[in-house]
Amino acid sequence: MKHILPENIKKLRLERNLTQQQLAKELGMTSSSISAYESGVRSPSIDNLCKLAAFFSTSVDYMIGYIPPEYNSIGRRVMEEQLVTSVRETVEEYMKRYSHYF
């Protein structure tokens, strides 16, 4: 089984150019805890998982790699098609209204 949470913690930390010590200080944790989370030796408590998600401006679902069943590849494709259609319609309407500016 792939360890999504440790990989995500490390990836998000590195994207922000933070050391384990800096992240730990920001969150009021120890650097040994961050190291243990990233190596998969320990899992963060729910409270610490929430702190990590909030700090990185993401969801706990993302952190743990959870993808809701309704967001599977078929559902995602339908959502993407609906979004593209909506954007296309909006752009076409904009072009009709403001074509005299182009």
PDB file of N, CA and C in Angstrom:
ATOM      1  N   MET A   1       0.840  -1.187   0.000  1.00  0.00           N
ATOM      2  CA  MET A   1       0.000   0.000   0.000  1.00  0.00           C
ATOM      3  C   MET A   1       0.883   1.248   0.000  1.00  0.00           C
ATOM      4  N   LYS A   2       0.535   2.189  -0.836  1.00  0.00           N
ATOM      5  CA  LYS A   2       1.293   3.418  -0.961  1.00  0.00           C
ATOM      6  C   LYS A   2       0.986   4.338   0.214  1.00  0.00           C
ATOM      7  N   HIS A   3       2.007   5.014   0.698  1.00  0.00           N
ATOM      8  CA  HIS A   3       1.863   5.903   1.844  1.00  0.00           C
ATOM      9  C   HIS A   3       1.669   7.330   1.351  1.00  0.00           C
ATOM     10  N   ILE A   4       0.420   7.684   1.118  1.00  0.00           N
ATOM     11  CA  ILE A   4       0.087   8.989   0.564  1.00  0.00           C
ATOM     12  C   ILE A   4       0.350  10.116   1.551  1.00  0.00           C
ATOM     13  N   LEU A   5      -0.083   9.944   2.804  1.00  0.00           N
ATOM     14  CA  LEU A   5       0.050  11.019   3.786  1.00  0.00           C
ATOM     15  C   LEU A   5       1.505  11.448   3.976  1.00  0.00           C
ATOM     16  N   PRO A   6       2.429  10.523   4.234  1.00  0.00           N
ATOM     17  CA  PRO A   6       3.826  10.963   4.383  1.00  0.00           C
ATOM     18  C   PRO A   6       4.355  11.696   3.150  1.00  0.00           C
ATOM     19  N   GLU A   7       4.016  11.191   1.979  1.00  0.00           N
ATOM     20  CA  GLU A   7       4.471  11.832   0.740  1.00  0.00           C
ATOM     21  C   GLU A   7       3.888  13.225   0.593  1.00  0.00           C
ATOM     22  N   ASN A   8       2.607  13.382   0.923  1.00  0.00           N
ATOM     23  CA  ASN A   8       1.964  14.690   0.790  1.00  0.00           C
ATOM     24  C   ASN A   8       2.530  15.701   1.777  1.00  0.00           C
ATOM     25  N   ILE A   9       2.783  15.288   2.992  1.00  0.00           N
ATOM     26  CA  ILE A   9       3.350  16.211   3.980  1.00  0.00           C
ATOM     27  C   ILE A   9       4.704  16.725   3.476  1.00  0.00           C
ATOM     28  N   LYS A  10       5.545  15.807   3.039  1.00  0.00           N
ATOM     29  CA  LYS A  10       6.868  16.201   2.557  1.00  0.00           C
ATOM     30  C   LYS A  10       6.774  17.073   1.311  1.00  0.00           C
ATOM     31  N   LYS A  11       5.931  16.675   0.369  1.00  0.00           N
ATOM     32  CA  LYS A  11       5.773  17.428  -0.878  1.00  0.00           C
ATOM     33  C   LYS A  11       5.321  18.855  -0.591  1.00  0.00           C
ATOM     34  N   LEU A  12       4.305  19.005   0.250  1.00  0.00           N
ATOM     35  CA  LEU A  12       3.782  20.340   0.563  1.00  0.00           C
ATOM     36  C   LEU A  12       4.817  21.175   1.318  1.00  0.00           C
ATOM     37  N   ARG A  13       5.557  20.554   2.199  1.00  0.00           N
ATOM     38  CA  ARG A  13       6.602  21.267   2.949  1.00  0.00           C
ATOM     39  C   ARG A  13       7.679  21.773   1.990  1.00  0.00           C
ATOM     40  N   LEU A  14       8.126  20.892   1.096  1.00  0.00           N
ATOM     41  CA  LEU A  14       9.176  21.271   0.151  1.00  0.00           C
ATOM     42  C   LEU A  14       8.713  22.326  -0.842  1.00  0.00           C
ATOM     43  N   GLU A  15       7.440  22.279  -1.239  1.00  0.00           N
ATOM     44  CA  GLU A  15       6.893  23.296  -2.140  1.00  0.00           C
ATOM     45  C   GLU A  15       6.975  24.687  -1.521  1.00  0.00           C
ATOM     46  N   ARG A  16       6.959  24.738  -0.205  1.00  0.00           N
ATOM     47  CA  ARG A  16       7.039  26.014   0.510  1.00  0.00           C
ATOM     48  C   ARG A  16       8.462  26.315   0.990  1.00  0.00           C
ATOM     49  N   ASN A  17       9.394  25.490   0.531  1.00  0.00           N
ATOM     50  CA  ASN A  17      10.813  25.668   0.883  1.00  0.00           C
ATOM     51  C   ASN A  17      11.027  25.746   2.392  1.00  0.00           C
ATOM     52  N   LEU A  18      10.361  24.872   3.119  1.00  0.00           N
ATOM     53  CA  LEU A  18      10.500  24.823   4.568  1.00  0.00           C
ATOM     54  C   LEU A  18      11.307  23.601   4.988  1.00  0.00           C
ATOM     55  N   THR A  19      12.076  23.755   6.036  1.00  0.00           N
ATOM     56  CA  THR A  19      12.733  22.600   6.647  1.00  0.00           C
ATOM     57  C   THR A  19      11.727  21.954   7.601  1.00  0.00           C
ATOM     58  N   GLN A  20      12.040  20.758   8.032  1.00  0.00           N
ATOM     59  CA  GLN A  20      11.181  20.111   9.026  1.00  0.00           C
ATOM     60  C   GLN A  20      11.130  20.952  10.297  1.00  0.00           C
ATOM     61  N   GLN A  21      12.238  21.547  10.658  1.00  0.00           N
ATOM     62  CA  GLN A  21      12.288  22.382  11.862  1.00  0.00           C
ATOM     63  C   GLN A  21      11.399  23.611  11.720  1.00  0.00           C
ATOM     64  N   GLN A  22      11.437  24.252  10.562  1.00  0.00           N
ATOM     65  CA  GLN A  22      10.609  25.441  10.340  1.00  0.00           C
ATOM     66  C   GLN A  22       9.125  25.094  10.382  1.00  0.00           C
ATOM     67  N   LEU A  23       8.754  23.988   9.737  1.00  0.00           N
ATOM     68  CA  LEU A  23       7.349  23.571   9.746  1.00  0.00           C
ATOM     69  C   LEU A  23       6.904  23.246  11.163  1.00  0.00           C
ATOM     70  N   ALA A  24       7.737  22.530  11.879  1.00  0.00           N
ATOM     71  CA  ALA A  24       7.407  22.170  13.256  1.00  0.00           C
ATOM     72  C   ALA A  24       7.175  23.423  14.099  1.00  0.00           C
ATOM     73  N   LYS A  25       8.034  24.401  13.950  1.00  0.00           N
ATOM     74  CA  LYS A  25       7.904  25.647  14.721  1.00  0.00           C
ATOM     75  C   LYS A  25       6.597  26.359  14.372  1.00  0.00           C
ATOM     76  N   GLU A  26       6.271  26.426  13.092  1.00  0.00           N
ATOM     77  CA  GLU A  26       5.030  27.078  12.646  1.00  0.00           C
ATOM     78  C   GLU A  26       3.790  26.426  13.259  1.00  0.00           C
ATOM     79  N   LEU A  27       3.866  25.113  13.434  1.00  0.00           N
ATOM     80  CA  LEU A  27       2.695  24.367  13.895  1.00  0.00           C
ATOM     81  C   LEU A  27       2.726  24.037  15.385  1.00  0.00           C
ATOM     82  N   GLY A  28       3.799  24.412  16.074  1.00  0.00           N
ATOM     83  CA  GLY A  28       3.909  24.093  17.495  1.00  0.00           C
ATOM     84  C   GLY A  28       4.136  22.614  17.743  1.00  0.00           C
ATOM     85  N   MET A  29       4.873  21.996  16.839  1.00  0.00           N
ATOM     86  CA  MET A  29       5.203  20.575  16.954  1.00  0.00           C
ATOM     87  C   MET A  29       6.719  20.441  17.075  1.00  0.00           C
ATOM     88  N   THR A  30       7.171  19.224  17.221  1.00  0.00           N
ATOM     89  CA  THR A  30       8.612  18.988  17.231  1.00  0.00           C
ATOM     90  C   THR A  30       9.057  18.553  15.839  1.00  0.00           C
ATOM     91  N   SER A  31      10.316  18.823  15.528  1.00  0.00           N
ATOM     92  CA  SER A  31      10.835  18.404  14.226  1.00  0.00           C
ATOM     93  C   SER A  31      10.892  16.883  14.130  1.00  0.00           C
ATOM     94  N   SER A  32      11.054  16.207  15.276  1.00  0.00           N
ATOM     95  CA  SER A  32      11.065  14.741  15.246  1.00  0.00           C
ATOM     96  C   SER A  32       9.674  14.201  14.878  1.00  0.00           C
ATOM     97  N   SER A  33       8.626  14.915  15.268  1.00  0.00           N
ATOM     98  CA  SER A  33       7.274  14.502  14.865  1.00  0.00           C
ATOM     99  C   SER A  33       7.098  14.639  13.358  1.00  0.00           C
ATOM    100  N   ILE A  34       7.524  15.778  12.819  1.00  0.00           N
ATOM    101  CA  ILE A  34       7.415  15.991  11.371  1.00  0.00           C
ATOM    102  C   ILE A  34       8.213  14.923  10.635  1.00  0.00           C
ATOM    103  N   SER A  35       9.407  14.636  11.100  1.00  0.00           N
ATOM    104  CA  SER A  35      10.240  13.600  10.485  1.00  0.00           C
ATOM    105  C   SER A  35       9.532  12.242  10.528  1.00  0.00           C
ATOM    106  N   ALA A  36       8.933  11.920  11.662  1.00  0.00           N
ATOM    107  CA  ALA A  36       8.234  10.635  11.802  1.00  0.00           C
ATOM    108  C   ALA A  36       7.014  10.572  10.886  1.00  0.00           C
ATOM    109  N   TYR A  37       6.309  11.695  10.734  1.00  0.00           N
ATOM    110  CA  TYR A  37       5.145  11.726   9.834  1.00  0.00           C
ATOM    111  C   TYR A  37       5.594  11.519   8.388  1.00  0.00           C
ATOM    112  N   GLU A  38       6.661  12.206   7.997  1.00  0.00           N
ATOM    113  CA  GLU A  38       7.135  12.117   6.613  1.00  0.00           C
ATOM    114  C   GLU A  38       7.725  10.760   6.275  1.00  0.00           C
ATOM    115  N   SER A  39       8.294  10.091   7.262  1.00  0.00           N
ATOM    116  CA  SER A  39       8.882   8.774   7.000  1.00  0.00           C
ATOM    117  C   SER A  39       7.857   7.654   7.159  1.00  0.00           C
ATOM    118  N   GLY A  40       6.687   7.981   7.664  1.00  0.00           N
ATOM    119  CA  GLY A  40       5.642   6.981   7.842  1.00  0.00           C
ATOM    120  C   GLY A  40       5.797   6.161   9.106  1.00  0.00           C
ATOM    121  N   VAL A  41       6.725   6.549   9.974  1.00  0.00           N
ATOM    122  CA  VAL A  41       6.928   5.843  11.237  1.00  0.00           C
ATOM    123  C   VAL A  41       5.734   6.070  12.163  1.00  0.00           C
ATOM    124  N   ARG A  42       5.207   7.285  12.133  1.00  0.00           N
ATOM    125  CA  ARG A  42       4.035   7.641  12.931  1.00  0.00           C
ATOM    126  C   ARG A  42       3.047   8.380  12.060  1.00  0.00           C
ATOM    127  N   SER A  43       1.791   8.320  12.464  1.00  0.00           N
ATOM    128  CA  SER A  43       0.749   9.112  11.817  1.00  0.00           C
ATOM    129  C   SER A  43       0.364  10.236  12.759  1.00  0.00           C
ATOM    130  N   PRO A  44       0.073  11.407  12.208  1.00  0.00           N
ATOM    131  CA  PRO A  44      -0.329  12.507  13.071  1.00  0.00           C
ATOM    132  C   PRO A  44      -1.688  12.243  13.709  1.00  0.00           C
ATOM    133  N   SER A  45      -1.893  12.819  14.884  1.00  0.00           N
ATOM    134  CA  SER A  45      -3.209  12.753  15.505  1.00  0.00           C
ATOM    135  C   SER A  45      -4.188  13.519  14.615  1.00  0.00           C
ATOM    136  N   ILE A  46      -5.459  13.344  14.848  1.00  0.00           N
ATOM    137  CA  ILE A  46      -6.469  14.080  14.080  1.00  0.00           C
ATOM    138  C   ILE A  46      -6.227  15.582  14.219  1.00  0.00           C
ATOM    139  N   ASP A  47      -5.942  16.035  15.434  1.00  0.00           N
ATOM    140  CA  ASP A  47      -5.680  17.466  15.655  1.00  0.00           C
ATOM    141  C   ASP A  47      -4.494  17.938  14.820  1.00  0.00           C
ATOM    142  N   ASN A  48      -3.411  17.176  14.843  1.00  0.00           N
ATOM    143  CA  ASN A  48      -2.227  17.581  14.078  1.00  0.00           C
ATOM    144  C   ASN A  48      -2.446  17.465  12.576  1.00  0.00           C
ATOM    145  N   LEU A  49      -3.222  16.487  12.152  1.00  0.00           N
ATOM    146  CA  LEU A  49      -3.555  16.364  10.740  1.00  0.00           C
ATOM    147  C   LEU A  49      -4.347  17.589  10.285  1.00  0.00           C
ATOM    148  N   CYS A  50      -5.276  18.032  11.106  1.00  0.00           N
ATOM    149  CA  CYS A  50      -6.050  19.240  10.796  1.00  0.00           C
ATOM    150  C   CYS A  50      -5.160  20.470  10.757  1.00  0.00           C
ATOM    151  N   LYS A  51      -4.204  20.566  11.679  1.00  0.00           N
ATOM    152  CA  LYS A  51      -3.262  21.685  11.676  1.00  0.00           C
ATOM    153  C   LYS A  51      -2.446  21.690  10.381  1.00  0.00           C
ATOM    154  N   LEU A  52      -1.967  20.522   9.993  1.00  0.00           N
ATOM    155  CA  LEU A  52      -1.188  20.423   8.762  1.00  0.00           C
ATOM    156  C   LEU A  52      -2.018  20.842   7.553  1.00  0.00           C
ATOM    157  N   ALA A  53      -3.229  20.325   7.453  1.00  0.00           N
ATOM    158  CA  ALA A  53      -4.092  20.663   6.323  1.00  0.00           C
ATOM    159  C   ALA A  53      -4.382  22.159   6.286  1.00  0.00           C
ATOM    160  N   ALA A  54      -4.693  22.739   7.433  1.00  0.00           N
ATOM    161  CA  ALA A  54      -4.981  24.172   7.487  1.00  0.00           C
ATOM    162  C   ALA A  54      -3.748  24.990   7.105  1.00  0.00           C
ATOM    163  N   PHE A  55      -2.598  24.600   7.627  1.00  0.00           N
ATOM    164  CA  PHE A  55      -1.365  25.329   7.317  1.00  0.00           C
ATOM    165  C   PHE A  55      -1.094  25.320   5.816  1.00  0.00           C
ATOM    166  N   PHE A  56      -1.307  24.175   5.181  1.00  0.00           N
ATOM    167  CA  PHE A  56      -1.037  24.052   3.752  1.00  0.00           C
ATOM    168  C   PHE A  56      -2.233  24.466   2.888  1.00  0.00           C
ATOM    169  N   SER A  57      -3.289  24.985   3.515  1.00  0.00           N
ATOM    170  CA  SER A  57      -4.486  25.449   2.795  1.00  0.00           C
ATOM    171  C   SER A  57      -5.060  24.353   1.900  1.00  0.00           C
ATOM    172  N   THR A  58      -5.198  23.188   2.474  1.00  0.00           N
ATOM    173  CA  THR A  58      -5.766  22.071   1.736  1.00  0.00           C
ATOM    174  C   THR A  58      -6.716  21.314   2.657  1.00  0.00           C
ATOM    175  N   SER A  59      -7.258  20.226   2.203  1.00  0.00           N
ATOM    176  CA  SER A  59      -8.200  19.456   3.009  1.00  0.00           C
ATOM    177  C   SER A  59      -7.520  18.224   3.604  1.00  0.00           C
ATOM    178  N   VAL A  60      -8.114  17.727   4.654  1.00  0.00           N
ATOM    179  CA  VAL A  60      -7.640  16.473   5.238  1.00  0.00           C
ATOM    180  C   VAL A  60      -7.803  15.359   4.205  1.00  0.00           C
ATOM    181  N   ASP A  61      -8.891  15.397   3.447  1.00  0.00           N
ATOM    182  CA  ASP A  61      -9.096  14.395   2.395  1.00  0.00           C
ATOM    183  C   ASP A  61      -7.905  14.358   1.439  1.00  0.00           C
ATOM    184  N   TYR A  62      -7.454  15.530   1.006  1.00  0.00           N
ATOM    185  CA  TYR A  62      -6.294  15.580   0.116  1.00  0.00           C
ATOM    186  C   TYR A  62      -5.061  15.000   0.806  1.00  0.00           C
ATOM    187  N   MET A  63      -4.857  15.417   2.047  1.00  0.00           N
ATOM    188  CA  MET A  63      -3.665  14.983   2.779  1.00  0.00           C
ATOM    189  C   MET A  63      -3.575  13.460   2.849  1.00  0.00           C
ATOM    190  N   ILE A  64      -4.698  12.796   3.084  1.00  0.00           N
ATOM    191  CA  ILE A  64      -4.673  11.340   3.238  1.00  0.00           C
ATOM    192  C   ILE A  64      -4.908  10.594   1.925  1.00  0.00           C
ATOM    193  N   GLY A  65      -5.144  11.350   0.843  1.00  0.00           N
ATOM    194  CA  GLY A  65      -5.313  10.733  -0.466  1.00  0.00           C
ATOM    195  C   GLY A  65      -6.694  10.172  -0.724  1.00  0.00           C
ATOM    196  N   TYR A  66      -7.685  10.657   0.013  1.00  0.00           N
ATOM    197  CA  TYR A  66      -9.052  10.158  -0.163  1.00  0.00           C
ATOM    198  C   TYR A  66      -9.700  10.831  -1.359  1.00  0.00           C
ATOM    199  N   ILE A  67     -10.272  10.023  -2.225  1.00  0.00           N
ATOM    200  CA  ILE A  67     -11.027  10.535  -3.370  1.00  0.00           C
ATOM    201  C   ILE A  67     -12.449  10.015  -3.217  1.00  0.00           C
ATOM    202  N   PRO A  68     -13.409  10.906  -3.022  1.00  0.00           N
ATOM    203  CA  PRO A  68     -14.790  10.451  -2.848  1.00  0.00           C
ATOM    204  C   PRO A  68     -15.259   9.627  -4.041  1.00  0.00           C
ATOM    205  N   PRO A  69     -16.100   8.614  -3.784  1.00  0.00           N
ATOM    206  CA  PRO A  69     -16.571   7.747  -4.869  1.00  0.00           C
ATOM    207  C   PRO A  69     -17.223   8.518  -6.012  1.00  0.00           C
ATOM    208  N   GLU A  70     -17.939   9.595  -5.708  1.00  0.00           N
ATOM    209  CA  GLU A  70     -18.611  10.344  -6.767  1.00  0.00           C
ATOM    210  C   GLU A  70     -17.626  11.154  -7.600  1.00  0.00           C
ATOM    211  N   TYR A  71     -16.366  11.189  -7.214  1.00  0.00           N
ATOM    212  CA  TYR A  71     -15.368  11.945  -7.958  1.00  0.00           C
ATOM    213  C   TYR A  71     -14.406  11.000  -8.673  1.00  0.00           C
ATOM    214  N   ASN A  72     -14.934   9.848  -9.076  1.00  0.00           N
ATOM    215  CA  ASN A  72     -14.093   8.912  -9.823  1.00  0.00           C
ATOM    216  C   ASN A  72     -13.834   9.466 -11.225  1.00  0.00           C
ATOM    217  N   SER A  73     -13.117   8.752 -12.030  1.00  0.00           N
ATOM    218  CA  SER A  73     -12.716   9.290 -13.328  1.00  0.00           C
ATOM    219  C   SER A  73     -13.906   9.605 -14.227  1.00  0.00           C
ATOM    220  N   ILE A  74     -14.964   8.805 -14.169  1.00  0.00           N
ATOM    221  CA  ILE A  74     -16.142   9.081 -15.000  1.00  0.00           C
ATOM    222  C   ILE A  74     -16.829  10.347 -14.504  1.00  0.00           C
ATOM    223  N   GLY A  75     -17.029  10.437 -13.197  1.00  0.00           N
ATOM    224  CA  GLY A  75     -17.643  11.631 -12.626  1.00  0.00           C
ATOM    225  C   GLY A  75     -16.807  12.867 -12.884  1.00  0.00           C
ATOM    226  N   ARG A  76     -15.518  12.712 -12.805  1.00  0.00           N
ATOM    227  CA  ARG A  76     -14.626  13.849 -13.035  1.00  0.00           C
ATOM    228  C   ARG A  76     -14.726  14.313 -14.482  1.00  0.00           C
ATOM    229  N   ARG A  77     -14.763  13.365 -15.390  1.00  0.00           N
ATOM    230  CA  ARG A  77     -14.860  13.725 -16.804  1.00  0.00           C
ATOM    231  C   ARG A  77     -16.154  14.475 -17.085  1.00  0.00           C
ATOM    232  N   VAL A  78     -17.249  14.022 -16.501  1.00  0.00           N
ATOM    233  CA  VAL A  78     -18.533  14.702 -16.682  1.00  0.00           C
ATOM    234  C   VAL A  78     -18.458  16.112 -16.114  1.00  0.00           C
ATOM    235  N   MET A  79     -17.875  16.255 -14.918  1.00  0.00           N
ATOM    236  CA  MET A  79     -17.741  17.573 -14.304  1.00  0.00           C
ATOM    237  C   MET A  79     -16.878  18.488 -15.165  1.00  0.00           C
ATOM    238  N   GLU A  80     -15.793  17.955 -15.715  1.00  0.00           N
ATOM    239  CA  GLU A  80     -14.919  18.754 -16.565  1.00  0.00           C
ATOM    240  C   GLU A  80     -15.646  19.184 -17.838  1.00  0.00           C
ATOM    241  N   GLU A  81     -16.421  18.278 -18.433  1.00  0.00           N
ATOM    242  CA  GLU A  81     -17.179  18.619 -19.628  1.00  0.00           C
ATOM    243  C   GLU A  81     -18.205  19.703 -19.334  1.00  0.00           C
ATOM    244  N   GLN A  82     -18.874  19.604 -18.182  1.00  0.00           N
ATOM    245  CA  GLN A  82     -19.841  20.628 -17.797  1.00  0.00           C
ATOM    246  C   GLN A  82     -19.160  21.971 -17.583  1.00  0.00           C
ATOM    247  N   LEU A  83     -17.997  21.955 -16.973  1.00  0.00           N
ATOM    248  CA  LEU A  83     -17.251  23.186 -16.748  1.00  0.00           C
ATOM    249  C   LEU A  83     -16.832  23.818 -18.068  1.00  0.00           C
ATOM    250  N   VAL A  84     -16.310  23.020 -18.970  1.00  0.00           N
ATOM    251  CA  VAL A  84     -15.889  23.529 -20.271  1.00  0.00           C
ATOM    252  C   VAL A  84     -17.077  24.124 -21.012  1.00  0.00           C
ATOM    253  N   THR A  85     -18.205  23.446 -20.984  1.00  0.00           N
ATOM    254  CA  THR A  85     -19.409  23.948 -21.641  1.00  0.00           C
ATOM    255  C   THR A  85     -19.842  25.279 -21.032  1.00  0.00           C
ATOM    256  N   SER A  86     -19.827  25.353 -19.719  1.00  0.00           N
ATOM    257  CA  SER A  86     -20.214  26.582 -19.030  1.00  0.00           C
ATOM    258  C   SER A  86     -19.283  27.735 -19.382  1.00  0.00           C
ATOM    259  N   VAL A  87     -17.995  27.477 -19.387  1.00  0.00           N
ATOM    260  CA  VAL A  87     -17.024  28.521 -19.730  1.00  0.00           C
ATOM    261  C   VAL A  87     -17.217  28.954 -21.176  1.00  0.00           C
ATOM    262  N   ARG A  88     -17.403  27.995 -22.064  1.00  0.00           N
ATOM    263  CA  ARG A  88     -17.603  28.308 -23.480  1.00  0.00           C
ATOM    264  C   ARG A  88     -18.833  29.192 -23.662  1.00  0.00           C
ATOM    265  N   GLU A  89     -19.931  28.847 -23.001  1.00  0.00           N
ATOM    266  CA  GLU A  89     -21.158  29.643 -23.097  1.00  0.00           C
ATOM    267  C   GLU A  89     -20.953  31.051 -22.546  1.00  0.00           C
ATOM    268  N   THR A  90     -20.229  31.155 -21.458  1.00  0.00           N
ATOM    269  CA  THR A  90     -19.961  32.464 -20.864  1.00  0.00           C
ATOM    270  C   THR A  90     -19.120  33.327 -21.793  1.00  0.00           C
ATOM    271  N   VAL A  91     -18.094  32.745 -22.394  1.00  0.00           N
ATOM    272  CA  VAL A  91     -17.235  33.483 -23.317  1.00  0.00           C
ATOM    273  C   VAL A  91     -18.034  33.907 -24.546  1.00  0.00           C
ATOM    274  N   GLU A  92     -18.861  33.025 -25.079  1.00  0.00           N
ATOM    275  CA  GLU A  92     -19.665  33.374 -26.245  1.00  0.00           C
ATOM    276  C   GLU A  92     -20.618  34.527 -25.937  1.00  0.00           C
ATOM    277  N   GLU A  93     -21.235  34.485 -24.772  1.00  0.00           N
ATOM    278  CA  GLU A  93     -22.137  35.566 -24.355  1.00  0.00           C
ATOM    279  C   GLU A  93     -21.360  36.877 -24.202  1.00  0.00           C
ATOM    280  N   TYR A  94     -20.199  36.812 -23.623  1.00  0.00           N
ATOM    281  CA  TYR A  94     -19.345  37.983 -23.447  1.00  0.00           C
ATOM    282  C   TYR A  94     -18.982  38.570 -24.809  1.00  0.00           C
ATOM    283  N   MET A  95     -18.605  37.707 -25.739  1.00  0.00           N
ATOM    284  CA  MET A  95     -18.220  38.161 -27.076  1.00  0.00           C
ATOM    285  C   MET A  95     -19.394  38.831 -27.793  1.00  0.00           C
ATOM    286  N   LYS A  96     -20.602  38.304 -27.608  1.00  0.00           N
ATOM    287  CA  LYS A  96     -21.782  38.916 -28.224  1.00  0.00           C
ATOM    288  C   LYS A  96     -22.031  40.306 -27.650  1.00  0.00           C
ATOM    289  N   ARG A  97     -21.970  40.405 -26.341  1.00  0.00           N
ATOM    290  CA  ARG A  97     -22.267  41.678 -25.690  1.00  0.00           C
ATOM    291  C   ARG A  97     -21.224  42.761 -25.961  1.00  0.00           C
ATOM    292  N   TYR A  98     -19.963  42.343 -26.025  1.00  0.00           N
ATOM    293  CA  TYR A  98     -18.885  43.319 -26.079  1.00  0.00           C
ATOM    294  C   TYR A  98     -18.055  43.217 -27.354  1.00  0.00           C
ATOM    295  N   SER A  99     -18.634  42.676 -28.428  1.00  0.00           N
ATOM    296  CA  SER A  99     -17.888  42.479 -29.672  1.00  0.00           C
ATOM    297  C   SER A  99     -17.427  43.801 -30.279  1.00  0.00           C
ATOM    298  N   HIS A 100     -18.134  44.872 -29.990  1.00  0.00           N
ATOM    299  CA  HIS A 100     -17.754  46.168 -30.550  1.00  0.00           C
ATOM    300  C   HIS A 100     -16.424  46.699 -29.987  1.00  0.00           C
ATOM    301  N   TYR A 101     -15.923  46.077 -28.925  1.00  0.00           N
ATOM    302  CA  TYR A 101     -14.635  46.469 -28.350  1.00  0.00           C
ATOM    303  C   TYR A 101     -13.468  45.709 -28.966  1.00  0.00           C
ATOM    304  N   PHE A 102     -13.766  44.723 -29.788  1.00  0.00           N
ATOM    305  CA  PHE A 102     -12.689  43.901 -30.354  1.00  0.00           C
ATOM    306  C   PHE A 102     -12.418  44.242 -31.785  1.00  0.00           C
TER     307      PHE A 102
END
